[in-house]
Every structure is written in structure tokens, then in C-alpha cells.
N, C-alpha and C. Protein backbone atom coordinates (compact mmCIF):
# COMPACT_ATOMS: atom_id res chain seq x y z
N MET A 1 -53.38 -20.57 10.80
CA MET A 1 -54.31 -19.82 12.04
C MET A 1 -53.94 -18.33 11.18
N TYR A 2 -54.86 -17.40 11.44
CA TYR A 2 -54.59 -15.81 10.97
C TYR A 2 -54.76 -15.31 12.37
N VAL A 3 -54.31 -14.31 12.74
CA VAL A 3 -54.40 -13.59 13.87
C VAL A 3 -54.79 -11.78 13.08
N THR A 4 -55.76 -11.41 13.60
CA THR A 4 -55.94 -9.75 13.43
C THR A 4 -56.00 -8.97 14.49
N GLN A 5 -56.45 -8.01 13.96
CA GLN A 5 -56.18 -7.02 15.05
C GLN A 5 -57.61 -6.11 15.41
N GLY A 6 -58.78 -7.22 15.06
CA GLY A 6 -60.05 -6.95 15.12
C GLY A 6 -61.01 -7.69 14.29
N MET A 7 -62.28 -7.65 14.60
CA MET A 7 -63.33 -8.20 14.42
C MET A 7 -63.40 -7.73 12.79
N HIS A 8 -63.36 -6.29 12.79
CA HIS A 8 -63.92 -5.81 11.09
C HIS A 8 -62.50 -6.30 10.06
N GLU A 9 -61.50 -6.67 10.67
CA GLU A 9 -60.16 -7.30 9.89
C GLU A 9 -60.71 -8.63 9.52
N ARG A 10 -61.25 -9.29 10.89
CA ARG A 10 -61.08 -10.80 10.78
C ARG A 10 -62.03 -11.33 9.73
N LYS A 11 -63.35 -10.07 9.36
CA LYS A 11 -64.44 -10.82 8.84
C LYS A 11 -63.84 -10.27 7.30
N ALA A 12 -63.35 -9.33 6.98
CA ALA A 12 -62.55 -9.00 6.05
C ALA A 12 -61.68 -10.15 5.21
N LEU A 13 -60.92 -10.65 6.20
CA LEU A 13 -60.29 -11.94 5.52
C LEU A 13 -60.80 -13.00 5.44
N MET A 14 -61.88 -13.23 6.55
CA MET A 14 -62.61 -14.52 6.05
C MET A 14 -63.36 -14.29 4.53
N GLU A 15 -64.09 -13.62 4.35
CA GLU A 15 -64.57 -13.11 3.14
C GLU A 15 -63.32 -13.37 2.45
N GLN A 16 -62.57 -12.77 2.10
CA GLN A 16 -61.41 -12.95 0.99
C GLN A 16 -60.79 -14.33 0.67
N LEU A 17 -60.95 -15.32 1.93
CA LEU A 17 -60.40 -16.82 2.15
C LEU A 17 -61.27 -17.68 1.91
N SER A 18 -62.74 -17.47 2.23
CA SER A 18 -63.62 -18.31 1.66
C SER A 18 -64.42 -18.28 0.69
N ASP A 19 -65.06 -19.73 0.26
CA ASP A 19 -65.80 -19.76 -0.53
C ASP A 19 -67.14 -19.88 -0.37
N GLY A 20 -67.36 -19.81 0.98
CA GLY A 20 -68.56 -19.43 1.63
C GLY A 20 -68.44 -19.56 3.21
N PHE A 21 -69.85 -19.87 3.92
CA PHE A 21 -69.72 -19.34 5.13
C PHE A 21 -71.22 -20.39 5.77
N ILE A 22 -70.20 -20.84 7.08
CA ILE A 22 -70.99 -22.08 7.49
C ILE A 22 -70.85 -22.01 8.91
N ALA A 23 -72.16 -21.17 9.80
CA ALA A 23 -71.95 -21.40 11.47
C ALA A 23 -72.55 -22.56 11.91
N LEU A 24 -71.74 -22.94 12.71
CA LEU A 24 -71.87 -23.94 13.76
C LEU A 24 -72.71 -23.32 14.72
N SER A 25 -73.06 -23.92 16.02
CA SER A 25 -73.81 -23.19 17.25
C SER A 25 -72.76 -22.18 17.82
N GLY A 26 -72.92 -20.95 18.16
CA GLY A 26 -72.27 -20.55 18.90
C GLY A 26 -72.80 -19.29 19.51
N GLY A 27 -72.21 -18.13 19.83
CA GLY A 27 -72.88 -16.98 20.37
C GLY A 27 -72.45 -15.76 19.66
N PRO A 28 -72.34 -14.71 20.42
CA PRO A 28 -72.87 -13.34 19.25
C PRO A 28 -71.49 -13.40 18.26
N GLY A 29 -70.57 -13.45 18.80
CA GLY A 29 -69.27 -13.25 17.50
C GLY A 29 -69.84 -14.47 16.24
N THR A 30 -70.28 -15.56 16.61
CA THR A 30 -70.49 -16.23 15.20
C THR A 30 -71.90 -15.28 14.44
N LEU A 31 -72.91 -15.18 15.29
CA LEU A 31 -73.95 -14.72 14.90
C LEU A 31 -73.60 -13.20 14.12
N ASP A 32 -72.47 -12.53 14.55
CA ASP A 32 -72.26 -11.13 13.96
C ASP A 32 -71.50 -11.65 13.10
N GLU A 33 -70.38 -12.75 12.66
CA GLU A 33 -69.92 -12.70 11.63
C GLU A 33 -70.92 -13.51 10.55
N MET A 34 -72.17 -14.00 10.42
CA MET A 34 -72.71 -14.32 9.83
C MET A 34 -73.97 -13.49 8.99
N ILE A 35 -74.34 -12.92 9.87
CA ILE A 35 -74.74 -11.64 9.36
C ILE A 35 -74.31 -10.94 8.51
N GLU A 36 -72.97 -10.50 8.83
CA GLU A 36 -72.47 -9.31 7.96
C GLU A 36 -71.99 -9.91 6.81
N GLN A 37 -71.53 -11.68 6.51
CA GLN A 37 -71.54 -11.87 5.67
C GLN A 37 -72.46 -11.90 4.60
N TRP A 38 -73.37 -12.50 5.26
CA TRP A 38 -75.00 -12.45 4.36
C TRP A 38 -75.32 -11.11 3.90
N THR A 39 -75.03 -9.95 5.04
CA THR A 39 -75.63 -8.43 4.34
C THR A 39 -74.46 -7.95 3.23
N TRP A 40 -73.12 -8.61 3.31
CA TRP A 40 -72.09 -8.43 2.35
C TRP A 40 -72.77 -9.19 1.24
N GLY A 41 -73.51 -9.99 1.11
CA GLY A 41 -73.48 -10.92 0.01
C GLY A 41 -75.38 -10.34 -0.63
N LEU A 42 -75.88 -10.01 0.22
CA LEU A 42 -77.00 -8.79 -0.23
C LEU A 42 -76.58 -7.76 -0.92
N LEU A 43 -75.63 -7.23 -0.51
CA LEU A 43 -74.96 -5.88 -1.01
C LEU A 43 -74.45 -6.09 -2.31
N GLY A 44 -74.06 -7.25 -2.74
CA GLY A 44 -73.29 -7.54 -3.64
C GLY A 44 -71.55 -7.57 -3.27
N ILE A 45 -71.06 -7.44 -2.55
CA ILE A 45 -69.96 -7.51 -1.89
C ILE A 45 -69.04 -8.59 -2.40
N HIS A 46 -69.84 -9.48 -2.42
CA HIS A 46 -69.35 -10.78 -2.76
C HIS A 46 -71.05 -12.14 -3.20
N ALA A 47 -70.42 -13.13 -3.80
CA ALA A 47 -71.50 -13.67 -4.03
C ALA A 47 -71.33 -15.25 -3.59
N LYS A 48 -71.01 -15.35 -2.67
CA LYS A 48 -70.77 -16.49 -1.81
C LYS A 48 -72.20 -16.86 -0.87
N PRO A 49 -72.19 -18.36 -0.51
CA PRO A 49 -73.13 -19.11 0.10
C PRO A 49 -73.21 -18.73 1.94
N CYS A 50 -74.30 -18.76 2.58
CA CYS A 50 -74.11 -18.71 3.90
C CYS A 50 -75.04 -19.56 4.41
N GLY A 51 -75.07 -20.52 5.12
CA GLY A 51 -75.75 -21.58 5.51
C GLY A 51 -75.43 -21.88 7.02
N PHE A 52 -76.59 -21.75 7.84
CA PHE A 52 -76.90 -22.75 9.23
C PHE A 52 -76.66 -23.63 9.16
N LEU A 53 -75.47 -24.73 10.21
CA LEU A 53 -75.60 -26.28 10.35
C LEU A 53 -76.53 -26.22 11.92
N ASN A 54 -77.55 -26.27 11.53
CA ASN A 54 -79.09 -26.16 12.40
C ASN A 54 -78.96 -27.14 13.59
N VAL A 55 -78.11 -27.92 14.01
CA VAL A 55 -78.20 -29.10 14.80
C VAL A 55 -79.08 -28.99 16.22
N LYS A 56 -79.98 -29.93 16.45
CA LYS A 56 -81.12 -29.66 17.11
C LYS A 56 -82.21 -28.08 17.57
N GLY A 57 -82.10 -27.71 15.71
CA GLY A 57 -82.71 -26.51 16.38
C GLY A 57 -82.39 -25.32 16.52
N TYR A 58 -80.79 -25.38 16.66
CA TYR A 58 -80.38 -24.05 17.28
C TYR A 58 -80.53 -22.98 16.63
N PHE A 59 -80.41 -22.90 15.74
CA PHE A 59 -80.76 -21.35 14.70
C PHE A 59 -82.13 -21.00 14.55
N ASP A 60 -82.95 -22.37 14.98
CA ASP A 60 -84.68 -22.06 14.48
C ASP A 60 -85.25 -20.50 14.61
N PRO A 61 -84.83 -20.25 15.64
CA PRO A 61 -85.27 -18.50 15.75
C PRO A 61 -84.88 -17.56 15.04
N ILE A 62 -83.24 -17.62 14.74
CA ILE A 62 -82.61 -16.61 13.29
C ILE A 62 -83.63 -17.21 12.11
N GLU A 63 -83.80 -18.53 11.73
CA GLU A 63 -84.66 -18.57 10.73
C GLU A 63 -86.30 -18.11 10.97
N ALA A 64 -86.42 -18.20 11.90
CA ALA A 64 -88.15 -17.46 12.24
C ALA A 64 -88.15 -16.31 11.91
N MET A 65 -86.94 -15.61 12.29
CA MET A 65 -86.45 -13.92 12.27
C MET A 65 -86.68 -13.52 10.59
N THR A 66 -86.01 -14.08 10.16
CA THR A 66 -85.87 -13.79 8.66
C THR A 66 -87.09 -13.97 8.04
N ARG A 67 -87.86 -15.18 8.24
CA ARG A 67 -89.50 -15.25 7.73
C ARG A 67 -90.51 -13.94 8.20
N ARG A 68 -89.90 -13.46 9.54
CA ARG A 68 -90.91 -12.58 9.96
C ARG A 68 -90.27 -11.38 9.08
N MET A 69 -89.15 -10.94 9.02
CA MET A 69 -88.70 -9.63 8.05
C MET A 69 -89.32 -9.68 6.77
N VAL A 70 -89.37 -11.20 5.97
CA VAL A 70 -90.10 -11.33 4.40
C VAL A 70 -91.66 -10.48 4.93
N ALA A 71 -92.18 -11.07 6.18
CA ALA A 71 -93.78 -10.97 6.37
C ALA A 71 -93.80 -9.52 6.61
N GLU A 72 -93.10 -9.08 7.33
CA GLU A 72 -93.27 -7.62 7.63
C GLU A 72 -93.05 -6.63 6.57
N GLY A 73 -92.30 -6.96 5.51
CA GLY A 73 -92.21 -5.98 4.72
C GLY A 73 -90.54 -5.42 4.50
N PHE A 74 -89.85 -6.11 5.58
CA PHE A 74 -88.23 -5.52 5.83
C PHE A 74 -87.42 -6.03 4.90
N LEU A 75 -87.84 -7.39 4.26
CA LEU A 75 -86.92 -8.12 3.53
C LEU A 75 -87.27 -8.83 2.02
N LEU A 76 -86.83 -8.61 1.14
CA LEU A 76 -87.55 -9.44 -0.07
C LEU A 76 -87.08 -10.72 0.32
N LYS A 77 -88.00 -11.69 -0.17
CA LYS A 77 -87.96 -13.36 -0.16
C LYS A 77 -86.69 -13.59 -0.61
N GLN A 78 -86.31 -13.12 -1.72
CA GLN A 78 -84.79 -14.00 -2.69
C GLN A 78 -83.96 -13.27 -1.62
N TYR A 79 -83.62 -12.56 -0.55
CA TYR A 79 -82.65 -12.34 -0.07
C TYR A 79 -82.82 -13.25 1.55
N ALA A 80 -83.65 -13.53 2.04
CA ALA A 80 -84.12 -14.40 2.89
C ALA A 80 -83.74 -15.98 2.68
N ASP A 81 -84.10 -16.32 0.92
CA ASP A 81 -83.59 -17.79 0.80
C ASP A 81 -82.21 -17.52 0.20
N MET A 82 -81.13 -16.64 0.22
CA MET A 82 -79.83 -16.83 0.68
C MET A 82 -79.33 -17.65 1.46
N LEU A 83 -80.12 -17.78 2.67
CA LEU A 83 -79.70 -18.33 3.75
C LEU A 83 -80.25 -19.63 3.61
N VAL A 84 -78.84 -20.70 4.11
CA VAL A 84 -79.34 -22.07 4.06
C VAL A 84 -79.76 -22.40 5.59
N PHE A 85 -80.67 -23.33 5.74
CA PHE A 85 -80.91 -24.00 7.10
C PHE A 85 -80.77 -24.94 7.18
N THR A 86 -80.28 -25.90 7.68
CA THR A 86 -80.47 -27.15 7.56
C THR A 86 -79.31 -28.05 8.81
N ASP A 87 -80.41 -29.61 8.88
CA ASP A 87 -79.11 -29.79 10.25
C ASP A 87 -78.28 -31.03 9.27
N ASP A 88 -78.00 -31.12 7.88
CA ASP A 88 -77.86 -31.92 7.46
C ASP A 88 -76.41 -31.39 6.77
N PRO A 89 -75.25 -32.08 6.94
CA PRO A 89 -74.18 -31.46 6.50
C PRO A 89 -74.11 -31.53 5.09
N ALA A 90 -74.38 -32.87 4.39
CA ALA A 90 -74.12 -32.65 2.81
C ALA A 90 -75.61 -32.27 1.94
N GLU A 91 -76.60 -32.12 2.79
CA GLU A 91 -77.58 -31.32 2.46
C GLU A 91 -77.31 -29.64 2.37
N LEU A 92 -76.29 -29.31 2.97
CA LEU A 92 -75.75 -27.85 3.20
C LEU A 92 -74.61 -27.52 2.27
N LEU A 93 -73.88 -28.74 1.87
CA LEU A 93 -72.79 -28.55 0.87
C LEU A 93 -73.17 -28.80 -0.62
N ALA A 94 -74.50 -29.56 -1.09
CA ALA A 94 -74.91 -29.44 -2.13
C ALA A 94 -75.84 -28.30 -2.61
N ARG A 95 -76.49 -27.67 -1.11
CA ARG A 95 -76.95 -26.32 -1.68
C ARG A 95 -76.04 -25.12 -1.90
N PHE A 96 -74.56 -25.51 -1.18
CA PHE A 96 -73.97 -24.57 -1.49
C PHE A 96 -73.68 -24.59 -2.95
N ARG A 97 -73.14 -25.85 -3.24
CA ARG A 97 -72.84 -26.25 -4.95
C ARG A 97 -73.63 -25.37 -5.82
N GLY A 98 -75.16 -25.48 -5.47
CA GLY A 98 -75.93 -24.98 -6.46
C GLY A 98 -76.28 -23.53 -6.15
N TYR A 99 -75.50 -22.81 -5.50
CA TYR A 99 -76.37 -21.39 -4.88
C TYR A 99 -75.95 -20.55 -5.95
N VAL A 100 -76.97 -19.97 -6.46
CA VAL A 100 -76.93 -18.84 -7.59
C VAL A 100 -77.67 -17.51 -6.54
N PRO A 101 -76.67 -16.35 -6.40
CA PRO A 101 -77.17 -15.28 -5.52
C PRO A 101 -78.10 -14.47 -6.51
N PRO A 102 -78.87 -13.87 -5.60
CA PRO A 102 -79.63 -12.70 -6.30
C PRO A 102 -78.97 -11.88 -6.48
N PRO A 103 -79.54 -10.61 -7.43
CA PRO A 103 -79.19 -9.62 -7.71
C PRO A 103 -78.69 -8.80 -6.65
N PRO A 104 -77.52 -7.98 -6.40
CA PRO A 104 -77.35 -6.99 -4.95
C PRO A 104 -78.55 -6.48 -4.73
N LYS A 105 -78.86 -5.63 -3.61
CA LYS A 105 -79.94 -5.13 -3.48
C LYS A 105 -79.89 -3.83 -4.01
N TRP A 106 -78.89 -3.10 -4.06
CA TRP A 106 -78.63 -1.96 -4.48
C TRP A 106 -77.57 -1.96 -5.80
N ALA A 107 -78.28 -2.47 -6.40
CA ALA A 107 -77.43 -2.77 -7.72
C ALA A 107 -77.05 -1.39 -8.70
N THR A 108 -76.23 -1.08 -9.06
CA THR A 108 -76.01 0.18 -10.15
C THR A 108 -75.69 -0.36 -11.47
N PRO A 109 -75.41 0.03 -12.65
CA PRO A 109 -75.46 -0.29 -13.81
C PRO A 109 -74.02 -0.82 -13.47
N ALA A 110 -73.14 -0.33 -13.25
CA ALA A 110 -71.82 -1.03 -12.65
C ALA A 110 -71.67 -2.61 -12.00
N MET A 111 -72.45 -2.43 -11.15
CA MET A 111 -72.77 -3.92 -10.28
C MET A 111 -73.47 -5.16 -10.84
N ALA A 112 -74.30 -4.32 -11.66
CA ALA A 112 -75.21 -5.69 -12.40
C ALA A 112 -74.63 -6.92 -13.40
């Protein structure tokens, strides 16, 4: 168990210690942690998969929102596709094993 001084320190420690991020049904803290890890992946801060174990459709609204972001032109499909939504733990892990991150959103020559 790790005790941190706050959410920023907690999320940074999660990123350092994790090979990927899986959200189970939860509240705003869970959503905050996952969205930040997805954003960090999108920006190239890490190249780790993010997934939602979507039991009984719990995360369907989040999946729909990412599709809407793409449809409205606020998000490229390659970045929406970074997120895995499934109710099957084996499928989630299989997709994590095959994860290939897209190029960072704002790649510079040093980052690419």
C-alpha cells in the first residue's frame, strides 16, 4: 500500500508503478484517474494501455462520449481507440498485450 499526499502525487505514482490502467466501476476519483492516464498517454508521457472493465455497461456513457468527441472533431479516432471497453477480463488483457500507442498528440522531433 502506498500513501500519498494527494491525487496528483497518487496519479504520478500510479503511472510510475503500472504497466497499464484498468478501471472497475467506481466514482469520480476512478474517472479522474483514468482520464488523466489516458491524457498522459495521448500526450506521450507514457505508452501504457488504458481500459475499462465495462461490467453491465457501466462505462457505456464514457465510450459514447469518446465516439462523440471524434464525431464532433474534438478527438482523432486514433486517440479514442487507445481506450479498451469490454466486459471480458481475458479480452481486456489480450488487447493490453497487443497495445501499440499512437504517436503523441503534440510530437516534437525529440518525442517522435
